[in-house]
Amino acid sequence: MYPKSFKKLIDNFAALPSVGPKMAERLVLFLFKADNEKLSDFARSLEDFKKNLRHCKKCWNISEEEFCQICKDSSRDQKTICVVEDTLDVFAIEKTKKYTGLYHVLGGVLSPQKTVGSENLHFKDLDNRIEKEGILEVILAMNPTTEGDATALYINRTLKDKGVKITRLARGLATGADIEHADELTLSSSLANRREV
């Protein structure tokens, strides 16, 4: 029914999170109708995206250089690390403009069903940073889900004897909610009212 190149692009869009087949069709049709300049700019953006972006060597956030903008910012609190599941959580917390410390992106959460163990996440790097950087507080900002709670518990047990203060975001976040979808007011409140674990 579809021309081959049209169908291939639909399949690529449909493979993205939250994009179903109908939405993929609409996106491909939109691109087909776009003028050549817009289409070329879109293609260049995708090429630049893949070529220029990498993980920060320190915190695993997204960066265009060896270290991300947050890690390079000396005006930030260098003794506090907010541990998050994913880069989208960094973006969400940054929008609140209430947190001025550093981050550590785990790259997911512990999940026995999906066979994600501690060796698949950036726990070792977090441990090394705490020792090397003289971190005083670790804020656990996992999503309030079963996997998020299990991950926070694991980190708490691992760091318990390191002499570092461990806090967790307040439960202004609904159980089962994702940090990236929380509004700025809820996130600000969760940060301000975090508690020691």
Protein backbone atom coordinates (compact mmCIF):
# COMPACT_ATOMS: atom_id res chain seq x y z
CA MET A 1 0.00 0.00 0.00
CA TYR A 2 2.73 2.52 0.99
CA PRO A 3 5.79 3.23 -1.15
CA LYS A 4 8.80 1.45 0.37
CA SER A 5 10.65 4.58 1.65
CA PHE A 6 7.39 5.99 3.07
CA LYS A 7 6.71 2.73 4.95
CA LYS A 8 10.29 2.51 6.28
CA LEU A 9 10.02 6.01 7.77
CA ILE A 10 6.61 5.17 9.31
CA ASP A 11 8.17 2.08 10.92
CA ASN A 12 11.04 4.19 12.32
CA PHE A 13 8.69 6.77 13.81
CA ALA A 14 6.34 4.08 15.17
CA ALA A 15 9.30 2.53 17.03
CA LEU A 16 9.67 5.72 19.11
CA PRO A 17 8.07 5.80 22.60
CA SER A 18 4.47 7.08 22.64
CA VAL A 19 4.23 7.20 18.83
CA GLY A 20 1.64 4.82 17.44
CA PRO A 21 1.17 3.81 13.78
CA LYS A 22 -1.41 6.55 13.08
CA MET A 23 0.77 9.30 14.56
CA ALA A 24 3.75 7.92 12.61
CA GLU A 25 1.73 8.15 9.39
CA ARG A 26 0.84 11.78 10.14
CA LEU A 27 4.46 12.68 10.90
CA VAL A 28 5.74 11.10 7.68
CA LEU A 29 3.01 12.80 5.64
CA PHE A 30 3.93 16.14 7.28
CA LEU A 31 7.58 15.62 6.32
CA PHE A 32 6.59 14.63 2.77
CA LYS A 33 4.67 17.90 2.39
CA ALA A 34 7.47 20.01 3.93
CA ASP A 35 9.65 22.05 1.61
CA ASN A 36 13.12 20.75 0.80
CA GLU A 37 14.89 23.29 3.01
CA LYS A 38 12.92 22.26 6.12
CA LEU A 39 13.41 18.60 5.32
CA SER A 40 17.17 19.06 4.82
CA ASP A 41 17.39 20.98 8.10
CA PHE A 42 15.53 18.14 9.88
CA ALA A 43 17.91 15.55 8.39
CA ARG A 44 20.97 17.63 9.40
CA SER A 45 19.60 17.95 12.94
CA LEU A 46 19.36 14.16 13.20
CA GLU A 47 22.91 13.72 11.88
CA ASP A 48 24.28 16.40 14.26
CA PHE A 49 22.35 14.84 17.13
CA LYS A 50 24.02 11.48 16.63
CA LYS A 51 27.45 12.92 15.86
CA ASN A 52 27.69 15.61 18.58
CA LEU A 53 25.93 14.18 21.64
CA ARG A 54 27.48 11.84 24.18
CA HIS A 55 27.29 11.04 27.88
CA CYS A 56 29.07 13.32 30.33
CA LYS A 57 32.13 11.46 31.66
CA LYS A 58 31.32 12.52 35.20
CA CYS A 59 27.54 12.31 35.72
CA TRP A 60 26.20 10.47 32.63
CA ASN A 61 23.97 13.39 31.61
CA ILE A 62 23.74 14.30 27.92
CA SER A 63 26.55 16.55 26.72
CA GLU A 64 28.19 17.91 23.58
CA GLU A 65 31.59 17.93 25.29
CA GLU A 66 33.52 15.65 27.64
CA PHE A 67 31.67 17.16 30.63
CA CYS A 68 28.14 18.57 30.64
CA GLN A 69 27.30 22.22 31.35
CA ILE A 70 26.12 21.40 34.89
CA CYS A 71 29.33 19.58 35.87
CA LYS A 72 31.43 22.42 34.41
CA ASP A 73 29.52 25.11 36.35
CA SER A 74 31.72 25.95 39.35
CA SER A 75 28.99 28.13 40.89
CA ARG A 76 26.89 25.03 41.63
CA ASP A 77 27.03 23.24 45.00
CA GLN A 78 29.87 20.77 44.42
CA LYS A 79 29.12 18.76 47.57
CA THR A 80 25.55 17.67 46.75
CA ILE A 81 24.56 15.07 44.17
CA CYS A 82 20.98 14.43 43.07
CA VAL A 83 20.72 10.83 41.80
CA VAL A 84 18.13 10.38 39.04
CA GLU A 85 17.01 7.52 36.83
CA ASP A 86 17.26 9.28 33.49
CA THR A 87 18.36 12.48 31.77
CA LEU A 88 14.73 13.63 31.42
CA ASP A 89 14.63 13.81 35.22
CA VAL A 90 17.60 16.22 35.15
CA PHE A 91 15.71 18.45 32.71
CA ALA A 92 12.57 18.36 34.89
CA ILE A 93 14.43 19.26 38.10
CA GLU A 94 16.43 22.00 36.36
CA LYS A 95 13.16 23.65 35.24
CA THR A 96 12.26 24.24 38.90
CA LYS A 97 15.32 26.50 39.32
CA LYS A 98 15.37 25.36 42.98
CA TYR A 99 18.25 22.89 42.88
CA THR A 100 21.82 24.12 42.51
CA GLY A 101 23.88 20.97 43.10
CA LEU A 102 25.22 18.30 40.76
CA TYR A 103 23.54 15.21 39.28
CA HIS A 104 24.25 11.56 38.71
CA VAL A 105 22.21 9.73 36.05
CA LEU A 106 21.88 6.01 36.80
CA GLY A 107 20.58 5.05 33.38
CA GLY A 108 17.52 3.24 34.76
CA VAL A 109 16.40 1.41 37.89
CA LEU A 110 16.83 -2.06 39.32
CA SER A 111 14.25 -4.35 37.74
CA PRO A 112 14.39 -8.14 38.17
CA GLN A 113 11.62 -8.59 35.55
CA LYS A 114 13.64 -6.73 32.93
CA THR A 115 16.88 -8.30 34.19
CA VAL A 116 18.36 -4.91 35.07
CA GLY A 117 20.82 -5.46 37.90
CA SER A 118 23.28 -3.18 39.66
CA GLU A 119 25.96 -4.06 37.09
CA ASN A 120 23.79 -2.48 34.33
CA LEU A 121 23.54 0.90 36.06
CA HIS A 122 26.07 3.59 37.05
CA PHE A 123 26.29 2.71 40.77
CA LYS A 124 30.08 2.21 40.79
CA ASP A 125 30.63 5.64 39.26
CA LEU A 126 28.41 7.17 41.95
CA ASP A 127 30.41 5.41 44.66
CA ASN A 128 33.69 6.69 43.15
CA ARG A 129 32.37 10.25 42.90
CA ILE A 130 31.34 10.30 46.55
CA GLU A 131 34.85 9.36 47.63
CA LYS A 132 36.82 11.47 45.12
CA GLU A 133 34.66 14.63 45.29
CA GLY A 134 34.02 14.65 49.05
CA ILE A 135 30.25 14.64 48.59
CA LEU A 136 28.29 15.57 51.75
CA GLU A 137 24.70 14.89 50.61
CA VAL A 138 23.14 12.46 48.13
CA ILE A 139 19.53 13.20 47.15
CA LEU A 140 17.70 10.11 45.90
CA ALA A 141 15.30 11.31 43.20
CA MET A 142 13.96 8.03 41.90
CA ASN A 143 10.39 7.83 40.64
CA PRO A 144 7.96 6.68 43.37
CA THR A 145 7.46 3.21 41.87
CA THR A 146 8.32 -0.26 43.16
CA GLU A 147 11.52 -0.30 41.07
CA GLY A 148 12.37 3.29 42.07
CA ASP A 149 11.90 2.48 45.75
CA ALA A 150 14.01 -0.70 45.42
CA THR A 151 16.78 1.29 43.71
CA ALA A 152 16.69 4.00 46.39
CA LEU A 153 16.87 1.31 49.10
CA TYR A 154 19.85 -0.32 47.36
CA ILE A 155 21.71 3.00 47.14
CA ASN A 156 20.88 3.80 50.76
CA ARG A 157 22.29 0.45 51.93
CA THR A 158 25.37 0.80 49.72
CA LEU A 159 26.22 4.31 50.91
CA LYS A 160 25.15 3.90 54.54
CA ASP A 161 28.72 3.56 55.85
CA LYS A 162 30.23 6.30 53.67
CA GLY A 163 29.43 9.09 56.16
CA VAL A 164 27.31 10.95 53.62
CA LYS A 165 23.85 12.40 54.34
CA ILE A 166 21.23 10.59 52.24
CA THR A 167 17.89 12.27 51.57
CA ARG A 168 14.92 11.37 49.39
CA LEU A 169 12.47 13.62 47.60
CA ALA A 170 9.34 14.29 49.64
CA ARG A 171 6.27 12.39 48.56
CA GLY A 172 4.63 15.35 46.90
CA LEU A 173 4.99 13.07 43.92
CA ALA A 174 2.16 10.57 43.56
CA THR A 175 3.12 6.91 43.90
CA GLY A 176 3.71 5.47 40.45
CA ALA A 177 4.30 8.90 38.85
CA ASP A 178 7.32 9.83 36.76
CA ILE A 179 9.49 12.81 37.73
CA GLU A 180 9.71 13.97 34.12
CA HIS A 181 5.89 14.46 34.04
CA ALA A 182 5.60 16.27 37.39
CA ASP A 183 4.87 19.99 37.37
CA GLU A 184 7.51 22.43 38.58
CA LEU A 185 5.62 23.34 41.78
CA THR A 186 5.34 19.69 42.87
CA LEU A 187 9.00 19.06 42.11
CA SER A 188 10.08 22.25 43.91
CA SER A 189 8.11 21.16 46.97
CA SER A 190 9.59 17.65 46.83
CA LEU A 191 13.12 19.05 46.70
CA ALA A 192 12.54 21.56 49.49
CA ASN A 193 10.90 18.98 51.77
CA ARG A 194 13.23 16.07 51.12
CA ARG A 195 13.88 13.86 54.12
CA GLU A 196 16.82 11.89 55.39
CA VAL A 197 16.63 8.13 54.81
